[in-house]
Amino acid sequence: KMKVIWDIQNTTLIYNFANAKISTQMGKEIPCLLTIARLNKEHKGYDISLEACKILKERGINFKWYAIGRGPYKEEMEEYIAANNLQDTFILLGTTSNPYPYIKDCTLYVQTSRHEGYGLSIAEARILNRPVVTTEFDAVYNQMVPGKNGLVVKQNPVAVADAIERLLKDKDLYDSIVAYQQQEKKGNQEEIEKFYQLVE
């Protein structure tokens, strides 16, 4: 006697919060990447993110990569950022109660997780029509359609860097992903009905 209730995504709420003002000027002058996840190495794969960032910078790609989150990997991340001169490229923003303006303003949403139960931040990026680059984890295909609403790649830095570079350089692909996202089903407010049925 079990019933699955997926994380509820209220699109109206997300759209309203996405219009809030933020001090970080994302996507105004150069492409901006965004990752929202606990600062963790094994599950969230921030080591993959950092190495991919280094690869992209070495290739001469002009971008900034912002990360929202906190966690035990922060000190090691800061050491890697300093050792590889990524201070102006990989920027830790800490936490915020409203990440949606950052999602709305970014160029790409990037998730480099090794494990996810669902990938709520990916769903939120899709709601706000931001092309996604994500690594392949167990539940990724519950919402990702490769080549349609984003790119799904192997869990290694070169694959992530290649996908990011491809989306930043291929305007036709980028625009086709945005167009696909705009017609995707948004949110799943109907999941709340399952909860109401349980408590009635």
N, C-alpha and C. Protein backbone atom coordinates (compact mmCIF):
# COMPACT_ATOMS: atom_id res chain seq x y z
N LYS A 1 0.85 -1.19 0.00
CA LYS A 1 0.00 0.00 0.00
C LYS A 1 0.89 1.24 0.00
N MET A 2 1.39 1.50 -1.17
CA MET A 2 2.30 2.63 -1.31
C MET A 2 1.83 3.53 -2.45
N LYS A 3 2.13 4.80 -2.32
CA LYS A 3 1.82 5.76 -3.37
C LYS A 3 3.01 6.70 -3.52
N VAL A 4 3.45 6.92 -4.75
CA VAL A 4 4.58 7.82 -5.01
C VAL A 4 4.06 9.23 -5.23
N ILE A 5 4.62 10.18 -4.50
CA ILE A 5 4.30 11.60 -4.70
C ILE A 5 5.61 12.30 -5.05
N TRP A 6 5.70 12.76 -6.30
CA TRP A 6 6.91 13.43 -6.76
C TRP A 6 7.04 14.82 -6.13
N ASP A 7 8.27 15.33 -6.07
CA ASP A 7 8.49 16.70 -5.60
C ASP A 7 7.56 17.63 -6.38
N ILE A 8 6.81 18.44 -5.65
CA ILE A 8 5.80 19.30 -6.29
C ILE A 8 6.46 20.58 -6.79
N GLN A 9 6.25 20.87 -8.08
CA GLN A 9 6.80 22.07 -8.70
C GLN A 9 5.65 22.99 -9.08
N ASN A 10 5.52 24.07 -8.34
CA ASN A 10 4.45 25.04 -8.58
C ASN A 10 4.98 26.09 -9.56
N THR A 11 4.56 26.02 -10.81
CA THR A 11 5.11 26.91 -11.83
C THR A 11 4.78 28.38 -11.56
N THR A 12 3.58 28.67 -11.10
CA THR A 12 3.21 30.06 -10.82
C THR A 12 4.13 30.66 -9.78
N LEU A 13 4.38 29.91 -8.73
CA LEU A 13 5.28 30.37 -7.67
C LEU A 13 6.69 30.61 -8.21
N ILE A 14 7.18 29.68 -9.01
CA ILE A 14 8.53 29.80 -9.57
C ILE A 14 8.63 31.02 -10.48
N TYR A 15 7.64 31.21 -11.36
CA TYR A 15 7.66 32.37 -12.25
C TYR A 15 7.67 33.68 -11.45
N ASN A 16 6.86 33.76 -10.41
CA ASN A 16 6.79 34.98 -9.60
C ASN A 16 8.11 35.26 -8.89
N PHE A 17 8.71 34.24 -8.28
CA PHE A 17 9.97 34.43 -7.58
C PHE A 17 11.12 34.72 -8.55
N ALA A 18 11.02 34.23 -9.77
CA ALA A 18 12.10 34.42 -10.75
C ALA A 18 12.25 35.87 -11.16
N ASN A 19 11.24 36.68 -10.93
CA ASN A 19 11.29 38.09 -11.33
C ASN A 19 11.90 39.00 -10.27
N ALA A 20 12.34 38.43 -9.15
CA ALA A 20 12.96 39.24 -8.11
C ALA A 20 14.31 39.78 -8.58
N LYS A 21 14.72 40.91 -8.03
CA LYS A 21 16.00 41.54 -8.39
C LYS A 21 17.14 40.84 -7.65
N ILE A 22 18.26 40.65 -8.33
CA ILE A 22 19.46 40.11 -7.71
C ILE A 22 20.64 41.01 -8.03
N SER A 23 21.65 41.00 -7.16
CA SER A 23 22.80 41.88 -7.33
C SER A 23 23.78 41.33 -8.36
N THR A 24 23.84 40.00 -8.51
CA THR A 24 24.75 39.40 -9.48
C THR A 24 24.23 39.60 -10.89
N GLN A 25 25.04 40.22 -11.74
CA GLN A 25 24.64 40.47 -13.13
C GLN A 25 25.02 39.27 -13.98
N MET A 26 24.08 38.35 -14.11
CA MET A 26 24.35 37.13 -14.86
C MET A 26 23.86 37.27 -16.29
N GLY A 27 24.66 36.78 -17.22
CA GLY A 27 24.24 36.72 -18.61
C GLY A 27 24.14 38.05 -19.31
N LYS A 28 24.67 39.11 -18.70
CA LYS A 28 24.56 40.43 -19.32
C LYS A 28 25.63 40.67 -20.37
N GLU A 29 26.85 40.23 -20.09
CA GLU A 29 27.96 40.49 -21.01
C GLU A 29 28.58 39.21 -21.57
N ILE A 30 28.73 38.20 -20.71
CA ILE A 30 29.32 36.94 -21.17
C ILE A 30 28.42 35.80 -20.72
N PRO A 31 28.54 34.61 -21.36
CA PRO A 31 27.72 33.48 -20.95
C PRO A 31 27.94 33.10 -19.48
N CYS A 32 26.86 32.78 -18.80
CA CYS A 32 26.94 32.41 -17.39
C CYS A 32 26.34 31.03 -17.18
N LEU A 33 27.10 30.17 -16.54
CA LEU A 33 26.65 28.84 -16.17
C LEU A 33 26.21 28.87 -14.72
N LEU A 34 25.30 27.99 -14.35
CA LEU A 34 24.80 27.94 -12.98
C LEU A 34 24.65 26.50 -12.53
N THR A 35 25.08 26.23 -11.31
CA THR A 35 24.83 24.95 -10.65
C THR A 35 24.26 25.23 -9.27
N ILE A 36 23.20 24.52 -8.91
CA ILE A 36 22.61 24.65 -7.58
C ILE A 36 22.65 23.27 -6.93
N ALA A 37 23.49 23.14 -5.90
CA ALA A 37 23.64 21.85 -5.24
C ALA A 37 24.47 22.02 -3.97
N ARG A 38 24.27 21.13 -3.05
CA ARG A 38 25.11 21.09 -1.86
C ARG A 38 26.56 20.93 -2.29
N LEU A 39 27.47 21.64 -1.62
CA LEU A 39 28.89 21.56 -1.97
C LEU A 39 29.44 20.22 -1.48
N ASN A 40 29.32 19.23 -2.35
CA ASN A 40 29.65 17.86 -2.01
C ASN A 40 30.37 17.25 -3.21
N LYS A 41 31.35 16.42 -2.94
CA LYS A 41 32.15 15.83 -4.02
C LYS A 41 31.54 14.55 -4.55
N GLU A 42 31.25 13.59 -3.67
CA GLU A 42 30.87 12.26 -4.12
C GLU A 42 29.51 12.22 -4.80
N HIS A 43 28.51 12.88 -4.20
CA HIS A 43 27.17 12.81 -4.78
C HIS A 43 26.93 13.89 -5.84
N LYS A 44 27.31 15.13 -5.53
CA LYS A 44 27.00 16.25 -6.42
C LYS A 44 28.07 16.48 -7.50
N GLY A 45 29.21 15.84 -7.35
CA GLY A 45 30.21 15.86 -8.41
C GLY A 45 30.83 17.22 -8.68
N TYR A 46 31.03 18.00 -7.65
CA TYR A 46 31.64 19.33 -7.87
C TYR A 46 33.09 19.23 -8.34
N ASP A 47 33.74 18.10 -8.08
CA ASP A 47 35.09 17.92 -8.62
C ASP A 47 35.04 17.86 -10.15
N ILE A 48 33.97 17.27 -10.68
CA ILE A 48 33.78 17.23 -12.13
C ILE A 48 33.56 18.65 -12.66
N SER A 49 32.73 19.42 -11.94
CA SER A 49 32.46 20.80 -12.35
C SER A 49 33.74 21.63 -12.40
N LEU A 50 34.53 21.53 -11.36
CA LEU A 50 35.75 22.33 -11.29
C LEU A 50 36.73 21.97 -12.40
N GLU A 51 36.89 20.68 -12.66
CA GLU A 51 37.82 20.25 -13.71
C GLU A 51 37.28 20.67 -15.08
N ALA A 52 35.97 20.56 -15.28
CA ALA A 52 35.37 21.01 -16.55
C ALA A 52 35.57 22.51 -16.74
N CYS A 53 35.45 23.27 -15.66
CA CYS A 53 35.67 24.71 -15.72
C CYS A 53 37.10 25.01 -16.13
N LYS A 54 38.05 24.30 -15.55
CA LYS A 54 39.47 24.49 -15.90
C LYS A 54 39.71 24.18 -17.38
N ILE A 55 39.12 23.09 -17.86
CA ILE A 55 39.28 22.70 -19.27
C ILE A 55 38.74 23.79 -20.19
N LEU A 56 37.56 24.29 -19.88
CA LEU A 56 36.94 25.32 -20.72
C LEU A 56 37.78 26.59 -20.74
N LYS A 57 38.32 26.96 -19.58
CA LYS A 57 39.16 28.16 -19.52
C LYS A 57 40.43 27.97 -20.34
N GLU A 58 41.01 26.78 -20.26
CA GLU A 58 42.22 26.49 -21.04
C GLU A 58 41.94 26.52 -22.54
N ARG A 59 40.70 26.23 -22.92
CA ARG A 59 40.31 26.28 -24.34
C ARG A 59 40.02 27.71 -24.81
N GLY A 60 40.07 28.65 -23.88
CA GLY A 60 39.85 30.04 -24.25
C GLY A 60 38.38 30.43 -24.32
N ILE A 61 37.50 29.63 -23.73
CA ILE A 61 36.07 29.95 -23.72
C ILE A 61 35.82 31.08 -22.71
N ASN A 62 35.05 32.07 -23.11
CA ASN A 62 34.73 33.20 -22.24
C ASN A 62 33.41 32.92 -21.52
N PHE A 63 33.46 32.79 -20.19
CA PHE A 63 32.26 32.45 -19.42
C PHE A 63 32.51 32.67 -17.94
N LYS A 64 31.44 32.63 -17.17
CA LYS A 64 31.53 32.56 -15.71
C LYS A 64 30.62 31.43 -15.26
N TRP A 65 31.05 30.74 -14.21
CA TRP A 65 30.29 29.60 -13.67
C TRP A 65 29.97 29.91 -12.20
N TYR A 66 28.69 30.04 -11.90
CA TYR A 66 28.25 30.34 -10.54
C TYR A 66 27.71 29.08 -9.88
N ALA A 67 27.99 28.94 -8.58
CA ALA A 67 27.49 27.80 -7.82
C ALA A 67 26.76 28.31 -6.58
N ILE A 68 25.54 27.84 -6.40
CA ILE A 68 24.75 28.17 -5.22
C ILE A 68 24.68 26.93 -4.34
N GLY A 69 25.09 27.09 -3.08
CA GLY A 69 25.04 25.97 -2.15
C GLY A 69 26.09 26.12 -1.07
N ARG A 70 26.00 25.27 -0.09
CA ARG A 70 27.02 25.21 0.95
C ARG A 70 27.23 23.75 1.31
N GLY A 71 28.35 23.44 1.94
CA GLY A 71 28.60 22.06 2.28
C GLY A 71 30.05 21.80 2.63
N PRO A 72 30.37 20.55 2.96
CA PRO A 72 31.69 20.20 3.49
C PRO A 72 32.83 20.29 2.48
N TYR A 73 32.51 20.39 1.20
CA TYR A 73 33.54 20.41 0.16
C TYR A 73 34.02 21.82 -0.15
N LYS A 74 33.45 22.81 0.52
CA LYS A 74 33.73 24.21 0.19
C LYS A 74 35.22 24.54 0.27
N GLU A 75 35.88 24.15 1.36
CA GLU A 75 37.29 24.51 1.54
C GLU A 75 38.16 23.92 0.44
N GLU A 76 37.94 22.66 0.09
CA GLU A 76 38.70 22.03 -0.99
C GLU A 76 38.41 22.71 -2.33
N MET A 77 37.17 23.11 -2.54
CA MET A 77 36.82 23.82 -3.77
C MET A 77 37.56 25.14 -3.85
N GLU A 78 37.59 25.87 -2.75
CA GLU A 78 38.29 27.17 -2.74
C GLU A 78 39.78 26.98 -3.01
N GLU A 79 40.36 25.90 -2.48
CA GLU A 79 41.77 25.62 -2.71
C GLU A 79 42.02 25.31 -4.19
N TYR A 80 41.14 24.52 -4.80
CA TYR A 80 41.27 24.18 -6.22
C TYR A 80 41.11 25.43 -7.07
N ILE A 81 40.13 26.25 -6.75
CA ILE A 81 39.89 27.49 -7.49
C ILE A 81 41.13 28.39 -7.47
N ALA A 82 41.72 28.53 -6.28
CA ALA A 82 42.91 29.38 -6.14
C ALA A 82 44.11 28.78 -6.87
N ALA A 83 44.31 27.46 -6.73
CA ALA A 83 45.47 26.80 -7.34
C ALA A 83 45.43 26.84 -8.86
N ASN A 84 44.22 26.94 -9.41
CA ASN A 84 44.08 26.89 -10.87
C ASN A 84 43.63 28.23 -11.47
N ASN A 85 43.75 29.28 -10.67
CA ASN A 85 43.44 30.64 -11.14
C ASN A 85 42.03 30.75 -11.73
N LEU A 86 41.07 30.19 -11.01
CA LEU A 86 39.68 30.22 -11.47
C LEU A 86 38.83 31.20 -10.66
N GLN A 87 39.50 32.09 -9.91
CA GLN A 87 38.75 33.00 -9.04
C GLN A 87 37.76 33.86 -9.79
N ASP A 88 38.10 34.23 -11.03
CA ASP A 88 37.21 35.09 -11.81
C ASP A 88 36.26 34.29 -12.69
N THR A 89 36.33 32.96 -12.57
CA THR A 89 35.55 32.10 -13.47
C THR A 89 34.57 31.21 -12.72
N PHE A 90 35.01 30.56 -11.65
CA PHE A 90 34.13 29.70 -10.85
C PHE A 90 33.84 30.41 -9.54
N ILE A 91 32.60 30.85 -9.37
CA ILE A 91 32.26 31.76 -8.27
C ILE A 91 31.25 31.12 -7.34
N LEU A 92 31.63 31.00 -6.07
CA LEU A 92 30.74 30.43 -5.06
C LEU A 92 29.87 31.54 -4.48
N LEU A 93 28.57 31.40 -4.62
CA LEU A 93 27.63 32.43 -4.17
C LEU A 93 27.06 32.16 -2.79
N GLY A 94 27.36 31.01 -2.19
CA GLY A 94 26.74 30.68 -0.92
C GLY A 94 25.30 30.22 -1.14
N THR A 95 24.45 30.47 -0.17
CA THR A 95 23.07 30.03 -0.27
C THR A 95 22.13 31.21 -0.45
N THR A 96 20.94 30.93 -0.93
CA THR A 96 19.91 31.95 -1.09
C THR A 96 18.55 31.28 -0.92
N SER A 97 17.61 32.02 -0.39
CA SER A 97 16.26 31.47 -0.24
C SER A 97 15.49 31.50 -1.55
N ASN A 98 16.01 32.24 -2.53
CA ASN A 98 15.34 32.35 -3.82
C ASN A 98 16.34 32.21 -4.96
N PRO A 99 16.55 30.98 -5.45
CA PRO A 99 17.51 30.77 -6.54
C PRO A 99 16.93 31.06 -7.92
N TYR A 100 15.63 31.30 -8.01
CA TYR A 100 14.98 31.36 -9.32
C TYR A 100 15.43 32.51 -10.22
N PRO A 101 15.71 33.71 -9.69
CA PRO A 101 16.24 34.76 -10.59
C PRO A 101 17.58 34.37 -11.21
N TYR A 102 18.39 33.62 -10.46
CA TYR A 102 19.67 33.18 -10.99
C TYR A 102 19.46 32.18 -12.13
N ILE A 103 18.50 31.29 -11.96
CA ILE A 103 18.19 30.34 -13.02
C ILE A 103 17.69 31.08 -14.26
N LYS A 104 16.77 32.02 -14.04
CA LYS A 104 16.18 32.76 -15.16
C LYS A 104 17.24 33.52 -15.95
N ASP A 105 18.25 34.05 -15.26
CA ASP A 105 19.26 34.90 -15.91
C ASP A 105 20.46 34.14 -16.45
N CYS A 106 20.64 32.87 -16.08
CA CYS A 106 21.83 32.15 -16.55
C CYS A 106 21.68 31.75 -18.02
N THR A 107 22.79 31.44 -18.63
CA THR A 107 22.79 30.98 -20.01
C THR A 107 22.52 29.48 -20.08
N LEU A 108 23.20 28.73 -19.21
CA LEU A 108 23.03 27.28 -19.14
C LEU A 108 22.92 26.85 -17.69
N TYR A 109 22.10 25.83 -17.45
CA TYR A 109 22.11 25.20 -16.13
C TYR A 109 22.91 23.91 -16.24
N VAL A 110 23.87 23.72 -15.32
CA VAL A 110 24.77 22.57 -15.37
C VAL A 110 24.67 21.77 -14.08
N GLN A 111 24.46 20.46 -14.20
CA GLN A 111 24.40 19.56 -13.04
C GLN A 111 25.39 18.43 -13.28
N THR A 112 26.37 18.27 -12.37
CA THR A 112 27.39 17.24 -12.57
C THR A 112 27.30 16.15 -11.50
N SER A 113 26.09 15.83 -11.09
CA SER A 113 25.89 14.85 -10.02
C SER A 113 26.26 13.44 -10.43
N ARG A 114 26.72 12.67 -9.45
CA ARG A 114 26.90 11.24 -9.64
C ARG A 114 25.64 10.48 -9.23
N HIS A 115 24.90 11.05 -8.29
CA HIS A 115 23.66 10.42 -7.81
C HIS A 115 22.62 11.51 -7.57
N GLU A 116 21.38 11.26 -7.96
CA GLU A 116 20.25 12.14 -7.66
C GLU A 116 19.00 11.29 -7.54
N GLY A 117 18.12 11.65 -6.61
CA GLY A 117 16.85 10.96 -6.52
C GLY A 117 15.91 11.36 -7.64
N TYR A 118 16.03 12.61 -8.04
CA TYR A 118 15.20 13.12 -9.14
C TYR A 118 15.95 14.19 -9.92
N GLY A 119 16.40 15.23 -9.23
CA GLY A 119 17.07 16.35 -9.88
C GLY A 119 16.14 17.54 -9.96
N LEU A 120 15.73 18.05 -8.79
CA LEU A 120 14.73 19.12 -8.74
C LEU A 120 15.22 20.40 -9.42
N SER A 121 16.50 20.73 -9.26
CA SER A 121 17.02 21.96 -9.87
C SER A 121 16.98 21.88 -11.39
N ILE A 122 17.17 20.68 -11.93
CA ILE A 122 17.04 20.50 -13.38
C ILE A 122 15.62 20.80 -13.81
N ALA A 123 14.65 20.29 -13.05
CA ALA A 123 13.24 20.53 -13.37
C ALA A 123 12.93 22.03 -13.32
N GLU A 124 13.50 22.72 -12.34
CA GLU A 124 13.26 24.16 -12.22
C GLU A 124 13.90 24.93 -13.37
N ALA A 125 15.07 24.50 -13.81
CA ALA A 125 15.71 25.13 -14.97
C ALA A 125 14.86 24.93 -16.21
N ARG A 126 14.30 23.75 -16.36
CA ARG A 126 13.43 23.47 -17.52
C ARG A 126 12.17 24.34 -17.48
N ILE A 127 11.62 24.52 -16.29
CA ILE A 127 10.43 25.37 -16.15
C ILE A 127 10.72 26.78 -16.63
N LEU A 128 11.95 27.26 -16.35
CA LEU A 128 12.34 28.61 -16.74
C LEU A 128 13.06 28.65 -18.09
N ASN A 129 12.96 27.57 -18.84
CA ASN A 129 13.47 27.50 -20.22
C ASN A 129 14.97 27.76 -20.33
N ARG A 130 15.72 27.15 -19.43
CA ARG A 130 17.17 27.25 -19.49
C ARG A 130 17.73 25.91 -19.94
N PRO A 131 18.46 25.89 -21.08
CA PRO A 131 19.06 24.63 -21.54
C PRO A 131 19.94 24.00 -20.46
N VAL A 132 19.89 22.68 -20.39
CA VAL A 132 20.55 21.94 -19.32
C VAL A 132 21.67 21.08 -19.87
N VAL A 133 22.81 21.09 -19.18
CA VAL A 133 23.85 20.08 -19.37
C VAL A 133 23.93 19.30 -18.08
N THR A 134 23.71 17.99 -18.16
CA THR A 134 23.75 17.18 -16.94
C THR A 134 24.50 15.88 -17.18
N THR A 135 25.12 15.39 -16.13
CA THR A 135 25.71 14.07 -16.19
C THR A 135 24.61 13.02 -16.12
N GLU A 136 24.97 11.81 -16.50
CA GLU A 136 24.01 10.71 -16.54
C GLU A 136 23.98 10.02 -15.18
N PHE A 137 22.89 10.20 -14.43
CA PHE A 137 22.69 9.49 -13.17
C PHE A 137 21.41 8.66 -13.30
N ASP A 138 21.12 7.86 -12.29
CA ASP A 138 20.07 6.85 -12.40
C ASP A 138 18.72 7.40 -12.85
N ALA A 139 18.32 8.53 -12.27
CA ALA A 139 16.96 9.04 -12.52
C ALA A 139 16.91 10.12 -13.61
N VAL A 140 18.01 10.36 -14.29
CA VAL A 140 18.08 11.53 -15.18
C VAL A 140 17.05 11.48 -16.30
N TYR A 141 16.75 10.26 -16.79
CA TYR A 141 15.83 10.18 -17.94
C TYR A 141 14.36 10.26 -17.53
N ASN A 142 14.10 10.44 -16.23
CA ASN A 142 12.73 10.73 -15.80
C ASN A 142 12.27 12.08 -16.33
N GLN A 143 13.22 12.95 -16.66
CA GLN A 143 12.84 14.27 -17.16
C GLN A 143 13.67 14.77 -18.33
N MET A 144 14.82 14.19 -18.57
CA MET A 144 15.67 14.67 -19.67
C MET A 144 15.41 13.90 -20.96
N VAL A 145 15.31 14.65 -22.05
CA VAL A 145 15.21 14.08 -23.40
C VAL A 145 16.46 14.57 -24.14
N PRO A 146 17.49 13.74 -24.22
CA PRO A 146 18.77 14.20 -24.77
C PRO A 146 18.65 14.83 -26.15
N GLY A 147 19.26 16.00 -26.28
CA GLY A 147 19.22 16.72 -27.54
C GLY A 147 17.97 17.55 -27.72
N LYS A 148 16.98 17.35 -26.85
CA LYS A 148 15.71 18.07 -26.95
C LYS A 148 15.61 19.18 -25.89
N ASN A 149 15.70 18.80 -24.59
CA ASN A 149 15.65 19.82 -23.54
C ASN A 149 17.00 20.03 -22.87
N GLY A 150 18.03 19.42 -23.45
CA GLY A 150 19.37 19.59 -22.93
C GLY A 150 20.27 18.46 -23.39
N LEU A 151 21.47 18.39 -22.83
CA LEU A 151 22.44 17.36 -23.18
C LEU A 151 22.78 16.53 -21.95
N VAL A 152 22.79 15.21 -22.12
CA VAL A 152 23.14 14.28 -21.04
C VAL A 152 24.45 13.62 -21.41
N VAL A 153 25.44 13.70 -20.51
CA VAL A 153 26.79 13.22 -20.84
C VAL A 153 27.32 12.31 -19.75
N LYS A 154 28.42 11.64 -20.04
CA LYS A 154 29.07 10.77 -19.07
C LYS A 154 29.62 11.59 -17.90
N GLN A 155 29.85 10.89 -16.80
CA GLN A 155 30.30 11.56 -15.58
C GLN A 155 31.81 11.80 -15.61
N ASN A 156 32.24 12.62 -16.56
CA ASN A 156 33.66 13.00 -16.58
C ASN A 156 33.79 14.43 -17.08
N PRO A 157 34.83 15.13 -16.64
CA PRO A 157 34.97 16.56 -16.92
C PRO A 157 35.06 16.91 -18.40
N VAL A 158 35.72 16.08 -19.20
CA VAL A 158 35.86 16.38 -20.62
C VAL A 158 34.50 16.34 -21.31
N ALA A 159 33.69 15.34 -20.99
CA ALA A 159 32.36 15.24 -21.58
C ALA A 159 31.50 16.44 -21.20
N VAL A 160 31.58 16.86 -19.95
CA VAL A 160 30.83 18.04 -19.49
C VAL A 160 31.31 19.28 -20.22
N ALA A 161 32.63 19.47 -20.29
CA ALA A 161 33.19 20.64 -20.97
C ALA A 161 32.80 20.65 -22.44
N ASP A 162 32.85 19.49 -23.10
CA ASP A 162 32.49 19.41 -24.51
C ASP A 162 31.03 19.82 -24.74
N ALA A 163 30.15 19.36 -23.86
CA ALA A 163 28.72 19.67 -24.00
C ALA A 163 28.46 21.16 -23.78
N ILE A 164 29.11 21.72 -22.77
CA ILE A 164 28.95 23.15 -22.50
C ILE A 164 29.45 23.97 -23.69
N GLU A 165 30.64 23.63 -24.18
CA GLU A 165 31.20 24.36 -25.33
C GLU A 165 30.28 24.24 -26.54
N ARG A 166 29.74 23.05 -26.75
CA ARG A 166 28.84 22.85 -27.90
C ARG A 166 27.62 23.76 -27.82
N LEU A 167 27.00 23.84 -26.63
CA LEU A 167 25.81 24.66 -26.49
C LEU A 167 26.12 26.15 -26.56
N LEU A 168 27.29 26.54 -26.09
CA LEU A 168 27.66 27.95 -26.16
C LEU A 168 27.99 28.39 -27.58
N LYS A 169 28.41 27.45 -28.42
CA LYS A 169 28.83 27.81 -29.78
C LYS A 169 27.77 27.51 -30.85
N ASP A 170 26.88 26.56 -30.56
CA ASP A 170 25.88 26.14 -31.55
C ASP A 170 24.55 26.83 -31.26
N LYS A 171 24.35 28.01 -31.85
CA LYS A 171 23.15 28.79 -31.57
C LYS A 171 21.88 28.07 -32.02
N ASP A 172 21.96 27.36 -33.13
CA ASP A 172 20.77 26.64 -33.61
C ASP A 172 20.34 25.57 -32.61
N LEU A 173 21.29 24.82 -32.09
CA LEU A 173 20.97 23.80 -31.09
C LEU A 173 20.43 24.45 -29.82
N TYR A 174 21.09 25.51 -29.37
CA TYR A 174 20.65 26.22 -28.17
C TYR A 174 19.20 26.69 -28.33
N ASP A 175 18.92 27.34 -29.45
CA ASP A 175 17.57 27.88 -29.69
C ASP A 175 16.53 26.77 -29.81
N SER A 176 16.92 25.64 -30.40
CA SER A 176 15.98 24.53 -30.53
C SER A 176 15.63 23.93 -29.18
N ILE A 177 16.59 23.91 -28.26
CA ILE A 177 16.34 23.40 -26.91
C ILE A 177 15.39 24.34 -26.16
N VAL A 178 15.62 25.64 -26.27
CA VAL A 178 14.71 26.61 -25.63
C VAL A 178 13.30 26.45 -26.19
N ALA A 179 13.19 26.30 -27.51
CA ALA A 179 11.87 26.15 -28.14
C ALA A 179 11.17 24.89 -27.64
N TYR A 180 11.93 23.80 -27.50
CA TYR A 180 11.35 22.55 -27.00
C TYR A 180 10.87 22.73 -25.56
N GLN A 181 11.71 23.39 -24.73
CA GLN A 181 11.34 23.61 -23.33
C GLN A 181 10.08 24.46 -23.22
N GLN A 182 9.93 25.40 -24.10
CA GLN A 182 8.76 26.29 -24.04
C GLN A 182 7.45 25.55 -24.26
N GLN A 183 7.51 24.40 -24.96
CA GLN A 183 6.28 23.65 -25.19
C GLN A 183 6.18 22.41 -24.29
N GLU A 184 7.19 22.18 -23.44
CA GLU A 184 7.13 21.06 -22.50
C GLU A 184 6.04 21.29 -21.46
N LYS A 185 5.53 20.20 -20.92
CA LYS A 185 4.61 20.32 -19.78
C LYS A 185 5.38 20.93 -18.61
N LYS A 186 4.78 21.95 -18.00
CA LYS A 186 5.46 22.65 -16.91
C LYS A 186 4.86 22.26 -15.56
N GLY A 187 5.72 21.90 -14.63
CA GLY A 187 5.28 21.64 -13.27
C GLY A 187 4.44 20.38 -13.14
N ASN A 188 4.06 20.11 -11.90
CA ASN A 188 3.23 18.93 -11.61
C ASN A 188 2.36 19.20 -10.38
N GLN A 189 1.69 20.35 -10.41
CA GLN A 189 0.86 20.73 -9.28
C GLN A 189 -0.18 19.67 -8.93
N GLU A 190 -0.52 18.84 -9.92
CA GLU A 190 -1.53 17.81 -9.68
C GLU A 190 -1.08 16.77 -8.66
N GLU A 191 0.23 16.72 -8.38
CA GLU A 191 0.72 15.76 -7.38
C GLU A 191 0.12 16.02 -6.01
N ILE A 192 -0.25 17.27 -5.73
CA ILE A 192 -0.84 17.59 -4.42
C ILE A 192 -2.14 16.83 -4.20
N GLU A 193 -2.82 16.49 -5.29
CA GLU A 193 -4.07 15.73 -5.16
C GLU A 193 -3.83 14.36 -4.54
N LYS A 194 -2.69 13.77 -4.82
CA LYS A 194 -2.35 12.48 -4.21
C LYS A 194 -2.24 12.62 -2.70
N PHE A 195 -1.68 13.74 -2.26
CA PHE A 195 -1.56 13.98 -0.83
C PHE A 195 -2.93 14.15 -0.19
N TYR A 196 -3.79 14.94 -0.85
CA TYR A 196 -5.13 15.15 -0.32
C TYR A 196 -5.90 13.84 -0.20
N GLN A 197 -5.71 12.95 -1.18
CA GLN A 197 -6.39 11.66 -1.13
C GLN A 197 -5.94 10.83 0.05
N LEU A 198 -4.68 10.98 0.43
CA LEU A 198 -4.17 10.22 1.56
C LEU A 198 -4.71 10.70 2.91
N VAL A 199 -4.99 11.99 3.02
CA VAL A 199 -5.40 12.55 4.31
C VAL A 199 -6.92 12.63 4.45
N GLU A 200 -7.63 12.39 3.37
CA GLU A 200 -9.09 12.46 3.46
C GLU A 200 -9.65 11.27 4.23
